[in-house]
C-alpha atoms as a PDB file:
ATOM      1  CA  MET A   1       0.000   0.000   0.000  1.00  0.00           C
ATOM      2  CA  ASP A   2       1.349   3.424  -0.956  1.00  0.00           C
ATOM      3  CA  LEU A   3       1.566   5.595   2.165  1.00  0.00           C
ATOM      4  CA  THR A   4       2.839   8.741   0.466  1.00  0.00           C
ATOM      5  CA  ARG A   5       0.676  11.809   0.891  1.00  0.00           C
ATOM      6  CA  THR A   6      -0.212  14.695  -1.382  1.00  0.00           C
ATOM      7  CA  GLU A   7       1.072  17.979   0.023  1.00  0.00           C
ATOM      8  CA  GLN A   8      -1.692  20.075   1.531  1.00  0.00           C
ATOM      9  CA  PRO A   9      -1.490  23.862   1.891  1.00  0.00           C
ATOM     10  CA  ALA A  10      -0.357  25.347   5.204  1.00  0.00           C
ATOM     11  CA  PRO A  11      -3.162  26.765   7.377  1.00  0.00           C
ATOM     12  CA  ASP A  12      -3.808  30.434   7.948  1.00  0.00           C
ATOM     13  CA  TYR A  13      -1.736  32.088  10.638  1.00  0.00           C
ATOM     14  CA  VAL A  14      -3.511  32.119  14.004  1.00  0.00           C
ATOM     15  CA  PRO A  15      -3.841  35.554  15.664  1.00  0.00           C
ATOM     16  CA  GLY A  16      -2.882  36.093  19.297  1.00  0.00           C
ATOM     17  CA  HIS A  17      -5.388  35.777  22.128  1.00  0.00           C
ATOM     18  CA  GLY A  18      -3.453  37.223  25.067  1.00  0.00           C
ATOM     19  CA  LEU A  19      -2.538  33.800  26.477  1.00  0.00           C
ATOM     20  CA  LEU A  20       0.738  35.053  27.974  1.00  0.00           C
ATOM     21  CA  ALA A  21      -0.371  38.509  29.085  1.00  0.00           C
ATOM     22  CA  GLY A  22       1.925  39.980  31.713  1.00  0.00           C
ATOM     23  CA  ARG A  23       4.501  37.178  31.617  1.00  0.00           C
ATOM     24  CA  THR A  24       8.221  37.451  30.994  1.00  0.00           C
ATOM     25  CA  VAL A  25       9.551  34.790  28.639  1.00  0.00           C
ATOM     26  CA  VAL A  26      13.134  33.659  27.998  1.00  0.00           C
ATOM     27  CA  VAL A  27      13.911  31.730  24.786  1.00  0.00           C
ATOM     28  CA  THR A  28      17.209  30.067  23.830  1.00  0.00           C
ATOM     29  CA  ALA A  29      18.445  29.736  20.226  1.00  0.00           C
ATOM     30  CA  ALA A  30      15.964  32.460  19.364  1.00  0.00           C
ATOM     31  CA  ALA A  31      17.642  34.529  16.665  1.00  0.00           C
ATOM     32  CA  GLY A  32      17.432  32.279  13.638  1.00  0.00           C
ATOM     33  CA  ALA A  33      14.532  31.543  11.317  1.00  0.00           C
ATOM     34  CA  GLY A  34      13.281  28.377  12.992  1.00  0.00           C
ATOM     35  CA  ILE A  35      11.200  27.315  15.962  1.00  0.00           C
ATOM     36  CA  GLY A  36      12.993  29.583  18.458  1.00  0.00           C
ATOM     37  CA  SER A  37      12.335  32.784  16.553  1.00  0.00           C
ATOM     38  CA  ALA A  38       8.757  31.683  15.862  1.00  0.00           C
ATOM     39  CA  ALA A  39       8.287  31.118  19.600  1.00  0.00           C
ATOM     40  CA  VAL A  40       9.547  34.635  20.357  1.00  0.00           C
ATOM     41  CA  ARG A  41       7.099  36.186  17.914  1.00  0.00           C
ATOM     42  CA  ARG A  42       4.182  34.084  19.138  1.00  0.00           C
ATOM     43  CA  CYS A  43       4.897  34.997  22.772  1.00  0.00           C
ATOM     44  CA  LEU A  44       4.926  38.694  21.923  1.00  0.00           C
ATOM     45  CA  GLU A  45       1.717  38.332  19.920  1.00  0.00           C
ATOM     46  CA  GLU A  46       0.180  36.522  22.896  1.00  0.00           C
ATOM     47  CA  GLY A  47       0.776  39.562  25.101  1.00  0.00           C
ATOM     48  CA  ALA A  48       3.981  38.660  26.946  1.00  0.00           C
ATOM     49  CA  ARG A  49       5.251  41.544  29.054  1.00  0.00           C
ATOM     50  CA  ALA A  50       8.699  40.975  27.568  1.00  0.00           C
ATOM     51  CA  VAL A  51      10.732  38.324  25.770  1.00  0.00           C
ATOM     52  CA  VAL A  52      14.457  37.842  26.327  1.00  0.00           C
ATOM     53  CA  LEU A  53      16.281  36.204  23.426  1.00  0.00           C
ATOM     54  CA  GLY A  54      19.432  34.138  23.793  1.00  0.00           C
ATOM     55  CA  ASP A  55      21.601  32.885  20.935  1.00  0.00           C
ATOM     56  CA  THR A  56      25.252  32.239  20.078  1.00  0.00           C
ATOM     57  CA  HIS A  57      25.006  34.258  16.844  1.00  0.00           C
ATOM     58  CA  GLU A  58      25.459  37.819  18.042  1.00  0.00           C
ATOM     59  CA  ARG A  59      24.855  39.520  14.686  1.00  0.00           C
ATOM     60  CA  ARG A  60      21.591  37.671  14.098  1.00  0.00           C
ATOM     61  CA  LEU A  61      20.620  38.340  17.712  1.00  0.00           C
ATOM     62  CA  GLU A  62      21.144  42.077  17.290  1.00  0.00           C
ATOM     63  CA  GLU A  63      19.194  42.119  14.024  1.00  0.00           C
ATOM     64  CA  ALA A  64      16.320  40.125  15.547  1.00  0.00           C
ATOM     65  CA  VAL A  65      16.017  42.397  18.576  1.00  0.00           C
ATOM     66  CA  GLY A  66      16.081  45.500  16.384  1.00  0.00           C
ATOM     67  CA  ALA A  67      13.332  44.224  14.110  1.00  0.00           C
ATOM     68  CA  LEU A  68      11.163  42.929  16.957  1.00  0.00           C
ATOM     69  CA  GLY A  69      11.660  46.133  18.922  1.00  0.00           C
ATOM     70  CA  GLU A  70      10.380  48.209  16.015  1.00  0.00           C
ATOM     71  CA  GLU A  71       7.340  45.979  15.622  1.00  0.00           C
ATOM     72  CA  PHE A  72       6.401  45.260  19.238  1.00  0.00           C
ATOM     73  CA  GLY A  73       8.209  47.985  21.191  1.00  0.00           C
ATOM     74  CA  ALA A  74      11.810  48.152  22.313  1.00  0.00           C
ATOM     75  CA  ASP A  75      10.703  47.979  25.938  1.00  0.00           C
ATOM     76  CA  ARG A  76       9.350  44.454  25.398  1.00  0.00           C
ATOM     77  CA  VAL A  77      12.428  42.849  23.845  1.00  0.00           C
ATOM     78  CA  ALA A  78      15.934  42.188  25.154  1.00  0.00           C
ATOM     79  CA  ALA A  79      18.782  39.924  24.114  1.00  0.00           C
ATOM     80  CA  VAL A  80      21.918  38.379  25.572  1.00  0.00           C
ATOM     81  CA  PRO A  81      24.463  36.219  23.717  1.00  0.00           C
ATOM     82  CA  CYS A  82      24.152  32.783  25.264  1.00  0.00           C
ATOM     83  CA  ASP A  83      25.992  29.527  24.738  1.00  0.00           C
ATOM     84  CA  VAL A  84      24.054  26.936  26.733  1.00  0.00           C
ATOM     85  CA  THR A  85      27.238  24.941  27.338  1.00  0.00           C
ATOM     86  CA  LYS A  86      28.425  27.824  29.556  1.00  0.00           C
ATOM     87  CA  GLU A  87      26.673  28.012  32.919  1.00  0.00           C
ATOM     88  CA  GLU A  88      27.653  31.634  33.443  1.00  0.00           C
ATOM     89  CA  GLN A  89      26.081  32.625  30.119  1.00  0.00           C
ATOM     90  CA  VAL A  90      22.847  30.848  31.026  1.00  0.00           C
ATOM     91  CA  ALA A  91      22.846  32.822  34.290  1.00  0.00           C
ATOM     92  CA  ALA A  92      23.430  36.087  32.396  1.00  0.00           C
ATOM     93  CA  LEU A  93      20.498  35.308  30.104  1.00  0.00           C
ATOM     94  CA  LEU A  94      18.184  34.885  33.091  1.00  0.00           C
ATOM     95  CA  ASP A  95      19.634  38.007  34.707  1.00  0.00           C
ATOM     96  CA  ALA A  96      18.396  39.938  31.666  1.00  0.00           C
ATOM     97  CA  ALA A  97      14.829  38.970  32.594  1.00  0.00           C
ATOM     98  CA  GLU A  98      15.081  40.551  36.054  1.00  0.00           C
ATOM     99  CA  PRO A  99      14.325  44.143  34.928  1.00  0.00           C
ATOM    100  CA  PHE A 100      11.040  42.758  33.565  1.00  0.00           C
ATOM    101  CA  GLY A 101      10.133  41.101  36.865  1.00  0.00           C
ATOM    102  CA  GLY A 102      12.033  37.859  36.416  1.00  0.00           C
ATOM    103  CA  VAL A 103      11.451  34.777  34.289  1.00  0.00           C
ATOM    104  CA  ASP A 104       7.919  33.363  34.215  1.00  0.00           C
ATOM    105  CA  VAL A 105       8.348  31.117  31.170  1.00  0.00           C
ATOM    106  CA  MET A 106      11.550  29.431  29.979  1.00  0.00           C
ATOM    107  CA  ILE A 107      11.554  27.954  26.482  1.00  0.00           C
ATOM    108  CA  ASN A 108      14.587  25.740  25.898  1.00  0.00           C
ATOM    109  CA  ASN A 109      15.017  25.521  22.155  1.00  0.00           C
ATOM    110  CA  ALA A 110      18.818  25.255  21.783  1.00  0.00           C
ATOM    111  CA  GLY A 111      20.022  22.052  20.175  1.00  0.00           C
ATOM    112  CA  LEU A 112      22.511  20.675  17.677  1.00  0.00           C
ATOM    113  CA  GLY A 113      21.989  17.921  15.137  1.00  0.00           C
ATOM    114  CA  GLY A 114      24.141  16.324  12.493  1.00  0.00           C
ATOM    115  CA  THR A 115      24.353  13.117  10.511  1.00  0.00           C
ATOM    116  CA  ALA A 116      26.978  10.436  11.060  1.00  0.00           C
ATOM    117  CA  SER A 117      26.980   6.660  11.107  1.00  0.00           C
ATOM    118  CA  LEU A 118      27.542   5.211  14.560  1.00  0.00           C
ATOM    119  CA  LEU A 119      30.477   3.283  13.071  1.00  0.00           C
ATOM    120  CA  GLU A 120      32.194   6.515  12.061  1.00  0.00           C
ATOM    121  CA  MET A 121      31.001   8.867  14.806  1.00  0.00           C
ATOM    122  CA  THR A 122      33.788  10.312  16.945  1.00  0.00           C
ATOM    123  CA  ASP A 123      33.671  10.964  20.677  1.00  0.00           C
ATOM    124  CA  GLU A 124      33.885  14.667  19.877  1.00  0.00           C
ATOM    125  CA  GLN A 125      30.820  14.547  17.589  1.00  0.00           C
ATOM    126  CA  TRP A 126      28.849  12.606  20.184  1.00  0.00           C
ATOM    127  CA  GLN A 127      29.860  14.855  23.067  1.00  0.00           C
ATOM    128  CA  LYS A 128      29.173  18.121  21.250  1.00  0.00           C
ATOM    129  CA  VAL A 129      25.595  17.139  20.363  1.00  0.00           C
ATOM    130  CA  LEU A 130      24.924  15.802  23.880  1.00  0.00           C
ATOM    131  CA  ASP A 131      26.453  18.859  25.578  1.00  0.00           C
ATOM    132  CA  ILE A 132      24.366  21.377  23.646  1.00  0.00           C
ATOM    133  CA  THR A 133      21.132  19.460  23.167  1.00  0.00           C
ATOM    134  CA  LEU A 134      20.775  17.539  26.432  1.00  0.00           C
ATOM    135  CA  THR A 135      23.159  18.995  28.992  1.00  0.00           C
ATOM    136  CA  GLY A 136      22.444  22.521  27.746  1.00  0.00           C
ATOM    137  CA  THR A 137      18.737  21.932  28.313  1.00  0.00           C
ATOM    138  CA  PHE A 138      19.527  20.584  31.791  1.00  0.00           C
ATOM    139  CA  ARG A 139      21.530  23.713  32.628  1.00  0.00           C
ATOM    140  CA  CYS A 140      18.666  25.942  31.545  1.00  0.00           C
ATOM    141  CA  VAL A 141      16.007  23.920  33.367  1.00  0.00           C
ATOM    142  CA  ARG A 142      18.095  23.953  36.543  1.00  0.00           C
ATOM    143  CA  ALA A 143      18.856  27.677  36.345  1.00  0.00           C
ATOM    144  CA  ALA A 144      15.272  28.710  35.529  1.00  0.00           C
ATOM    145  CA  GLY A 145      13.871  26.321  38.127  1.00  0.00           C
ATOM    146  CA  ARG A 146      16.091  27.798  40.824  1.00  0.00           C
ATOM    147  CA  ARG A 147      15.046  31.349  39.908  1.00  0.00           C
ATOM    148  CA  MET A 148      11.356  30.493  39.853  1.00  0.00           C
ATOM    149  CA  ALA A 149      11.451  28.492  43.084  1.00  0.00           C
ATOM    150  CA  GLY A 150      13.537  31.126  44.849  1.00  0.00           C
ATOM    151  CA  ALA A 151      11.054  33.828  43.912  1.00  0.00           C
ATOM    152  CA  GLY A 152       8.031  31.714  44.802  1.00  0.00           C
ATOM    153  CA  ARG A 153       6.927  31.991  41.196  1.00  0.00           C
ATOM    154  CA  LYS A 154       4.701  29.292  39.679  1.00  0.00           C
ATOM    155  CA  GLY A 155       6.534  29.389  36.393  1.00  0.00           C
ATOM    156  CA  VAL A 156       6.571  27.164  33.339  1.00  0.00           C
ATOM    157  CA  ILE A 157       9.419  25.483  31.479  1.00  0.00           C
ATOM    158  CA  VAL A 158       8.955  24.203  27.922  1.00  0.00           C
ATOM    159  CA  ASN A 159      11.649  22.049  26.306  1.00  0.00           C
ATOM    160  CA  ASN A 160      12.087  21.235  22.621  1.00  0.00           C
ATOM    161  CA  ALA A 161      12.530  17.513  22.014  1.00  0.00           C
ATOM    162  CA  SER A 162      12.051  15.606  18.731  1.00  0.00           C
ATOM    163  CA  VAL A 163      10.213  12.579  17.378  1.00  0.00           C
ATOM    164  CA  VAL A 164      13.699  11.181  16.737  1.00  0.00           C
ATOM    165  CA  GLY A 165      13.810  10.604  20.485  1.00  0.00           C
ATOM    166  CA  TRP A 166      11.114   7.968  19.898  1.00  0.00           C
ATOM    167  CA  ARG A 167      11.769   6.788  16.359  1.00  0.00           C
ATOM    168  CA  ALA A 168      14.871   5.216  14.870  1.00  0.00           C
ATOM    169  CA  GLN A 169      16.591   7.217  12.127  1.00  0.00           C
ATOM    170  CA  GLU A 170      19.816   6.320  10.389  1.00  0.00           C
ATOM    171  CA  GLY A 171      22.810   8.492  11.217  1.00  0.00           C
ATOM    172  CA  GLN A 172      21.122  10.138  14.212  1.00  0.00           C
ATOM    173  CA  ALA A 173      22.414   8.125  17.198  1.00  0.00           C
ATOM    174  CA  HIS A 174      23.819  11.180  19.003  1.00  0.00           C
ATOM    175  CA  TYR A 175      20.843  13.446  18.284  1.00  0.00           C
ATOM    176  CA  ALA A 176      18.288  10.723  19.063  1.00  0.00           C
ATOM    177  CA  ALA A 177      19.994   9.906  22.356  1.00  0.00           C
ATOM    178  CA  ALA A 178      20.089  13.594  23.283  1.00  0.00           C
ATOM    179  CA  LYS A 179      16.430  14.194  22.453  1.00  0.00           C
ATOM    180  CA  ALA A 180      15.328  11.020  24.254  1.00  0.00           C
ATOM    181  CA  GLY A 181      17.291  12.391  27.186  1.00  0.00           C
ATOM    182  CA  VAL A 182      15.411  15.703  26.954  1.00  0.00           C
ATOM    183  CA  MET A 183      12.160  13.759  27.202  1.00  0.00           C
ATOM    184  CA  ALA A 184      13.320  11.863  30.293  1.00  0.00           C
ATOM    185  CA  LEU A 185      14.728  15.052  31.802  1.00  0.00           C
ATOM    186  CA  THR A 186      11.364  16.751  31.265  1.00  0.00           C
ATOM    187  CA  ARG A 187       9.479  14.027  33.109  1.00  0.00           C
ATOM    188  CA  SER A 188      11.883  13.887  36.055  1.00  0.00           C
ATOM    189  CA  ALA A 189      12.315  17.654  36.354  1.00  0.00           C
ATOM    190  CA  ALA A 190       8.528  18.021  36.440  1.00  0.00           C
ATOM    191  CA  MET A 191       8.377  15.874  39.561  1.00  0.00           C
ATOM    192  CA  ASP A 192      11.231  17.741  41.252  1.00  0.00           C
ATOM    193  CA  LEU A 193       9.667  21.130  40.545  1.00  0.00           C
ATOM    194  CA  ALA A 194       6.001  20.285  41.118  1.00  0.00           C
ATOM    195  CA  PRO A 195       6.192  21.022  44.884  1.00  0.00           C
ATOM    196  CA  HIS A 196       7.128  24.590  43.895  1.00  0.00           C
ATOM    197  CA  GLY A 197       4.170  24.919  41.528  1.00  0.00           C
ATOM    198  CA  ILE A 198       6.478  24.933  38.498  1.00  0.00           C
ATOM    199  CA  ARG A 199       5.374  22.976  35.422  1.00  0.00           C
ATOM    200  CA  VAL A 200       7.771  21.330  32.944  1.00  0.00           C
ATOM    201  CA  ASN A 201       6.651  19.959  29.584  1.00  0.00           C
ATOM    202  CA  ALA A 202       8.127  19.420  26.132  1.00  0.00           C
ATOM    203  CA  VAL A 203       7.141  19.457  22.492  1.00  0.00           C
ATOM    204  CA  SER A 204       8.314  16.772  20.104  1.00  0.00           C
ATOM    205  CA  PRO A 205       8.241  18.024  16.496  1.00  0.00           C
ATOM    206  CA  SER A 206       8.838  15.836  13.471  1.00  0.00           C
ATOM    207  CA  LEU A 207       9.555  18.037  10.450  1.00  0.00           C
ATOM    208  CA  ALA A 208       9.419  21.836  10.683  1.00  0.00           C
ATOM    209  CA  MET A 209      10.570  23.722   7.605  1.00  0.00           C
ATOM    210  CA  HIS A 210      12.914  26.680   7.885  1.00  0.00           C
ATOM    211  CA  PRO A 211      15.823  28.080   5.830  1.00  0.00           C
ATOM    212  CA  PHE A 212      18.603  26.504   7.946  1.00  0.00           C
ATOM    213  CA  LEU A 213      17.145  23.034   7.480  1.00  0.00           C
ATOM    214  CA  GLU A 214      17.067  23.566   3.745  1.00  0.00           C
ATOM    215  CA  LYS A 215      20.768  24.467   3.827  1.00  0.00           C
ATOM    216  CA  VAL A 216      21.917  21.342   5.691  1.00  0.00           C
ATOM    217  CA  THR A 217      19.581  18.786   4.050  1.00  0.00           C
ATOM    218  CA  THR A 218      19.163  17.761   0.444  1.00  0.00           C
ATOM    219  CA  PRO A 219      15.902  18.628  -1.345  1.00  0.00           C
ATOM    220  CA  GLU A 220      15.443  14.941  -2.133  1.00  0.00           C
ATOM    221  CA  PHE A 221      15.613  13.926   1.528  1.00  0.00           C
ATOM    222  CA  LEU A 222      13.221  16.703   2.568  1.00  0.00           C
ATOM    223  CA  ALA A 223      10.779  15.636  -0.131  1.00  0.00           C
ATOM    224  CA  GLU A 224      10.964  12.060   1.152  1.00  0.00           C
ATOM    225  CA  LEU A 225      10.301  13.173   4.737  1.00  0.00           C
ATOM    226  CA  LYS A 226       7.287  15.215   3.642  1.00  0.00           C
ATOM    227  CA  THR A 227       5.679  12.171   2.058  1.00  0.00           C
ATOM    228  CA  LYS A 228       5.693  10.468   5.463  1.00  0.00           C
ATOM    229  CA  GLU A 229       3.641  13.240   7.059  1.00  0.00           C
ATOM    230  CA  ALA A 230      -0.141  12.855   7.169  1.00  0.00           C
ATOM    231  CA  PHE A 231      -0.644  16.268   5.547  1.00  0.00           C
ATOM    232  CA  GLY A 232       2.130  15.671   3.018  1.00  0.00           C
ATOM    233  CA  ARG A 233       3.985  18.769   4.196  1.00  0.00           C
ATOM    234  CA  ALA A 234       6.357  20.010   6.846  1.00  0.00           C
ATOM    235  CA  ALA A 235       5.044  22.039   9.766  1.00  0.00           C
ATOM    236  CA  GLN A 236       5.540  25.773   9.741  1.00  0.00           C
ATOM    237  CA  PRO A 237       7.739  26.785  12.716  1.00  0.00           C
ATOM    238  CA  TRP A 238       4.867  28.848  14.127  1.00  0.00           C
ATOM    239  CA  GLU A 239       2.726  25.702  14.294  1.00  0.00           C
ATOM    240  CA  ILE A 240       5.255  24.215  16.732  1.00  0.00           C
ATOM    241  CA  ALA A 241       5.476  27.531  18.596  1.00  0.00           C
ATOM    242  CA  ASN A 242       1.685  27.523  19.023  1.00  0.00           C
ATOM    243  CA  VAL A 243       1.919  24.337  21.083  1.00  0.00           C
ATOM    244  CA  MET A 244       4.764  25.828  23.110  1.00  0.00           C
ATOM    245  CA  VAL A 245       2.512  28.798  23.880  1.00  0.00           C
ATOM    246  CA  PHE A 246      -0.292  26.451  24.910  1.00  0.00           C
ATOM    247  CA  LEU A 247       2.056  24.622  27.286  1.00  0.00           C
ATOM    248  CA  ALA A 248       3.255  27.950  28.702  1.00  0.00           C
ATOM    249  CA  SER A 249      -0.276  29.258  29.200  1.00  0.00           C
ATOM    250  CA  GLY A 250      -2.922  28.732  31.824  1.00  0.00           C
ATOM    251  CA  TYR A 251      -4.812  26.475  29.428  1.00  0.00           C
ATOM    252  CA  SER A 252      -2.414  23.651  30.364  1.00  0.00           C
ATOM    253  CA  SER A 253      -2.431  24.334  34.121  1.00  0.00           C
ATOM    254  CA  TYR A 254      -2.777  20.643  35.084  1.00  0.00           C
ATOM    255  CA  LEU A 255      -0.250  19.386  32.543  1.00  0.00           C
ATOM    256  CA  THR A 256       3.298  18.613  33.669  1.00  0.00           C
ATOM    257  CA  GLY A 257       5.919  16.008  32.807  1.00  0.00           C
ATOM    258  CA  GLU A 258       4.371  15.498  29.372  1.00  0.00           C
ATOM    259  CA  VAL A 259       5.981  15.309  25.935  1.00  0.00           C
ATOM    260  CA  VAL A 260       3.507  16.473  23.300  1.00  0.00           C
ATOM    261  CA  SER A 261       4.086  15.133  19.803  1.00  0.00           C
ATOM    262  CA  VAL A 262       3.635  17.971  17.324  1.00  0.00           C
ATOM    263  CA  SER A 263       3.721  15.725  14.309  1.00  0.00           C
ATOM    264  CA  SER A 264       1.484  14.336  11.604  1.00  0.00           C
ATOM    265  CA  GLN A 265       3.943  11.574  10.743  1.00  0.00           C
ATOM    266  CA  HIS A 266       2.488   8.122  10.233  1.00  0.00           C
ATOM    267  CA  PRO A 267       4.474   4.889  10.858  1.00  0.00           C
END
């Protein structure tokens, strides 16, 4: 039976409904053109008091803050260069949220992929992906959790996982292990932080289309991946960000320790 799907058009963009009114949001890996930047925009559209962007690309970070400041108001946007493998830089990113009342929502989007056969993968390749994608998320969850608990704030943490953490994919041993680790971290951190009223959840996207992905993946492989999706297309980054906003909002107040699959992929 042929399981390929005809590509359907993307849906209309969903307007904001004030779901994050009055909240200060911090987003890592937020200055590109993917899920992180979409999450920043969605949070601002949903009425966030302010959004603090972190990224390792300082030029892109500066450009993103300038553009967002013009559109949403410079007093609602701030940025700090942040490498999530550096604990002091994670701390500086959260410090930047203090003038806005401190972090209410932490969206951990930073991650690193790559393709390499397990037989050829070096220790350095393995460690780099794990340090950014899994340990970097741990550092951010720990730092944000400490800030929220110390302030008595019933905050929310949203991590970005991947369906690769569930499903086998050739050449992705390091990335799959890291994302599976993010899922397990999410569940355990939720239990540790629940006594403080802090919720921790994750999204697990399959295929979200953005310019960087198109640069590092062949058109043929992307076309093949699209045929495995129920709608025959990749998700728009804002469709993933919408679920992040839901998890950060009061609409998911009884949801913690969950990994939500944002995917239309069939087996």
